[in-house]
C-alpha atoms as a PDB file:
ATOM      1  CA  MET A   1      15.611  71.335  69.943  1.00  0.00           C
ATOM      2  CA  TYR A   2      15.015  67.740  70.957  1.00  0.00           C
ATOM      3  CA  ASP A   3      15.181  64.739  68.599  1.00  0.00           C
ATOM      4  CA  VAL A   4      11.439  63.398  68.597  1.00  0.00           C
ATOM      5  CA  ILE A   5      10.954  59.496  68.829  1.00  0.00           C
ATOM      6  CA  TYR A   6       7.759  57.926  68.564  1.00  0.00           C
ATOM      7  CA  SER A   7       6.863  54.578  70.109  1.00  0.00           C
ATOM      8  CA  ASP A   8       4.763  52.118  68.118  1.00  0.00           C
ATOM      9  CA  ASP A   9       1.772  52.561  70.933  1.00  0.00           C
ATOM     10  CA  PHE A  10       1.877  56.231  70.051  1.00  0.00           C
ATOM     11  CA  LYS A  11       1.720  55.562  66.593  1.00  0.00           C
ATOM     12  CA  LYS A  12      -1.324  53.386  66.638  1.00  0.00           C
ATOM     13  CA  ASP A  13      -3.072  55.952  68.868  1.00  0.00           C
ATOM     14  CA  PHE A  14      -2.218  58.758  66.570  1.00  0.00           C
ATOM     15  CA  LEU A  15      -3.516  57.086  63.596  1.00  0.00           C
ATOM     16  CA  LYS A  16      -6.971  56.435  65.043  1.00  0.00           C
ATOM     17  CA  GLN A  17      -7.647  60.237  65.657  1.00  0.00           C
ATOM     18  CA  ASP A  18      -9.439  62.445  63.198  1.00  0.00           C
ATOM     19  CA  LYS A  19      -7.331  64.923  61.182  1.00  0.00           C
ATOM     20  CA  LEU A  20      -7.827  68.000  63.132  1.00  0.00           C
ATOM     21  CA  LEU A  21      -6.742  66.152  66.384  1.00  0.00           C
ATOM     22  CA  GLN A  22      -3.702  64.951  64.546  1.00  0.00           C
ATOM     23  CA  ILE A  23      -2.617  68.454  63.958  1.00  0.00           C
ATOM     24  CA  ILE A  24      -3.235  69.486  67.274  1.00  0.00           C
ATOM     25  CA  ILE A  25      -1.236  66.897  68.900  1.00  0.00           C
ATOM     26  CA  TYR A  26       1.509  67.539  66.118  1.00  0.00           C
ATOM     27  CA  LYS A  27       1.650  70.987  66.902  1.00  0.00           C
ATOM     28  CA  LYS A  28       1.956  70.239  70.891  1.00  0.00           C
ATOM     29  CA  ILE A  29       4.769  67.669  70.200  1.00  0.00           C
ATOM     30  CA  LEU A  30       6.622  70.655  68.002  1.00  0.00           C
ATOM     31  CA  LYS A  31       6.062  72.987  70.989  1.00  0.00           C
ATOM     32  CA  ILE A  32       7.538  70.581  73.469  1.00  0.00           C
ATOM     33  CA  SER A  33      10.454  69.745  71.020  1.00  0.00           C
ATOM     34  CA  PHE A  34      11.646  73.272  70.831  1.00  0.00           C
ATOM     35  CA  GLU A  35      11.131  74.518  74.480  1.00  0.00           C
ATOM     36  CA  THR A  36      14.405  73.429  76.346  1.00  0.00           C
ATOM     37  CA  PHE A  37      12.879  74.469  79.750  1.00  0.00           C
ATOM     38  CA  ILE A  38       9.407  74.267  80.693  1.00  0.00           C
ATOM     39  CA  SER A  39       7.491  73.392  83.689  1.00  0.00           C
ATOM     40  CA  ARG A  40       6.511  69.545  83.091  1.00  0.00           C
ATOM     41  CA  LYS A  41       4.110  67.305  85.170  1.00  0.00           C
ATOM     42  CA  HIS A  42       5.203  64.137  86.192  1.00  0.00           C
ATOM     43  CA  LEU A  43       2.992  61.108  86.098  1.00  0.00           C
ATOM     44  CA  MET A  44       1.561  59.780  89.132  1.00  0.00           C
ATOM     45  CA  TYR A  45       2.336  56.551  90.876  1.00  0.00           C
ATOM     46  CA  GLY A  46       6.075  57.090  90.650  1.00  0.00           C
ATOM     47  CA  GLN A  47       6.288  56.503  86.692  1.00  0.00           C
ATOM     48  CA  PRO A  48       9.125  58.534  84.919  1.00  0.00           C
ATOM     49  CA  TYR A  49       7.091  59.893  82.252  1.00  0.00           C
ATOM     50  CA  PHE A  50       5.821  63.478  81.666  1.00  0.00           C
ATOM     51  CA  VAL A  51       2.099  64.263  80.969  1.00  0.00           C
ATOM     52  CA  GLU A  52       0.657  67.232  78.846  1.00  0.00           C
ATOM     53  CA  LYS A  53      -3.033  67.856  78.565  1.00  0.00           C
ATOM     54  CA  ILE A  54      -3.951  68.202  75.006  1.00  0.00           C
ATOM     55  CA  SER A  55      -7.821  68.887  75.781  1.00  0.00           C
ATOM     56  CA  GLU A  56     -10.130  68.608  78.748  1.00  0.00           C
ATOM     57  CA  SER A  57     -10.020  64.758  78.629  1.00  0.00           C
ATOM     58  CA  SER A  58      -6.960  63.624  76.341  1.00  0.00           C
ATOM     59  CA  ARG A  59      -3.501  63.435  77.410  1.00  0.00           C
ATOM     60  CA  LEU A  60       0.101  62.986  75.717  1.00  0.00           C
ATOM     61  CA  VAL A  61       2.612  60.976  77.862  1.00  0.00           C
ATOM     62  CA  TYR A  62       6.280  61.425  76.905  1.00  0.00           C
ATOM     63  CA  ASN A  63       9.799  61.488  78.367  1.00  0.00           C
ATOM     64  CA  ILE A  64      13.184  63.380  77.819  1.00  0.00           C
ATOM     65  CA  SER A  65      16.303  61.847  77.906  1.00  0.00           C
ATOM     66  CA  GLU A  66      19.847  62.845  76.553  1.00  0.00           C
ATOM     67  CA  ASN A  67      18.282  65.389  74.335  1.00  0.00           C
ATOM     68  CA  LYS A  68      15.660  63.228  72.952  1.00  0.00           C
ATOM     69  CA  LEU A  69      11.981  63.573  73.343  1.00  0.00           C
ATOM     70  CA  TYR A  70      10.307  60.233  73.626  1.00  0.00           C
ATOM     71  CA  ILE A  71       6.547  60.208  72.726  1.00  0.00           C
ATOM     72  CA  ILE A  72       4.981  57.404  74.490  1.00  0.00           C
ATOM     73  CA  ARG A  73       1.259  57.349  74.360  1.00  0.00           C
ATOM     74  CA  PHE A  74      -1.765  59.387  73.543  1.00  0.00           C
ATOM     75  CA  PHE A  75      -4.922  59.012  75.120  1.00  0.00           C
ATOM     76  CA  ARG A  76      -7.937  60.692  74.075  1.00  0.00           C
ATOM     77  CA  ASP A  77     -10.374  59.668  77.003  1.00  0.00           C
ATOM     78  CA  HIS A  78      -8.974  60.290  80.469  1.00  0.00           C
ATOM     79  CA  LYS A  79     -10.471  56.823  81.488  1.00  0.00           C
ATOM     80  CA  ASP A  80      -8.243  54.947  79.169  1.00  0.00           C
ATOM     81  CA  TYR A  81      -5.655  57.241  80.557  1.00  0.00           C
ATOM     82  CA  GLU A  82      -6.313  56.091  83.851  1.00  0.00           C
ATOM     83  CA  LYS A  83      -6.178  52.420  83.373  1.00  0.00           C
ATOM     84  CA  TRP A  84      -2.876  52.751  81.595  1.00  0.00           C
ATOM     85  CA  TYR A  85      -0.840  54.565  84.435  1.00  0.00           C
ATOM     86  CA  LYS A  86      -2.407  52.681  87.088  1.00  0.00           C
ATOM     87  CA  SER A  87      -1.727  48.836  85.701  1.00  0.00           C
END
């Protein structure tokens, strides 16, 4: 199991969501933290992050390093996600 570390940006994004979506996000983070080997998709444009699809348009951005799971950002809208990784 990975130790989970949440960024301040993620905390702000997370608190803006409704309770049901918060539960879904939390369960996804738990699943990632317990899986030691899963196929992960790297973020495009050479960014060193992984991306997990939460719903059709929402994304969870994270990184894994030295047995730690760093939760970077959560994007409910795909357009916001695209703006972030292209900047």
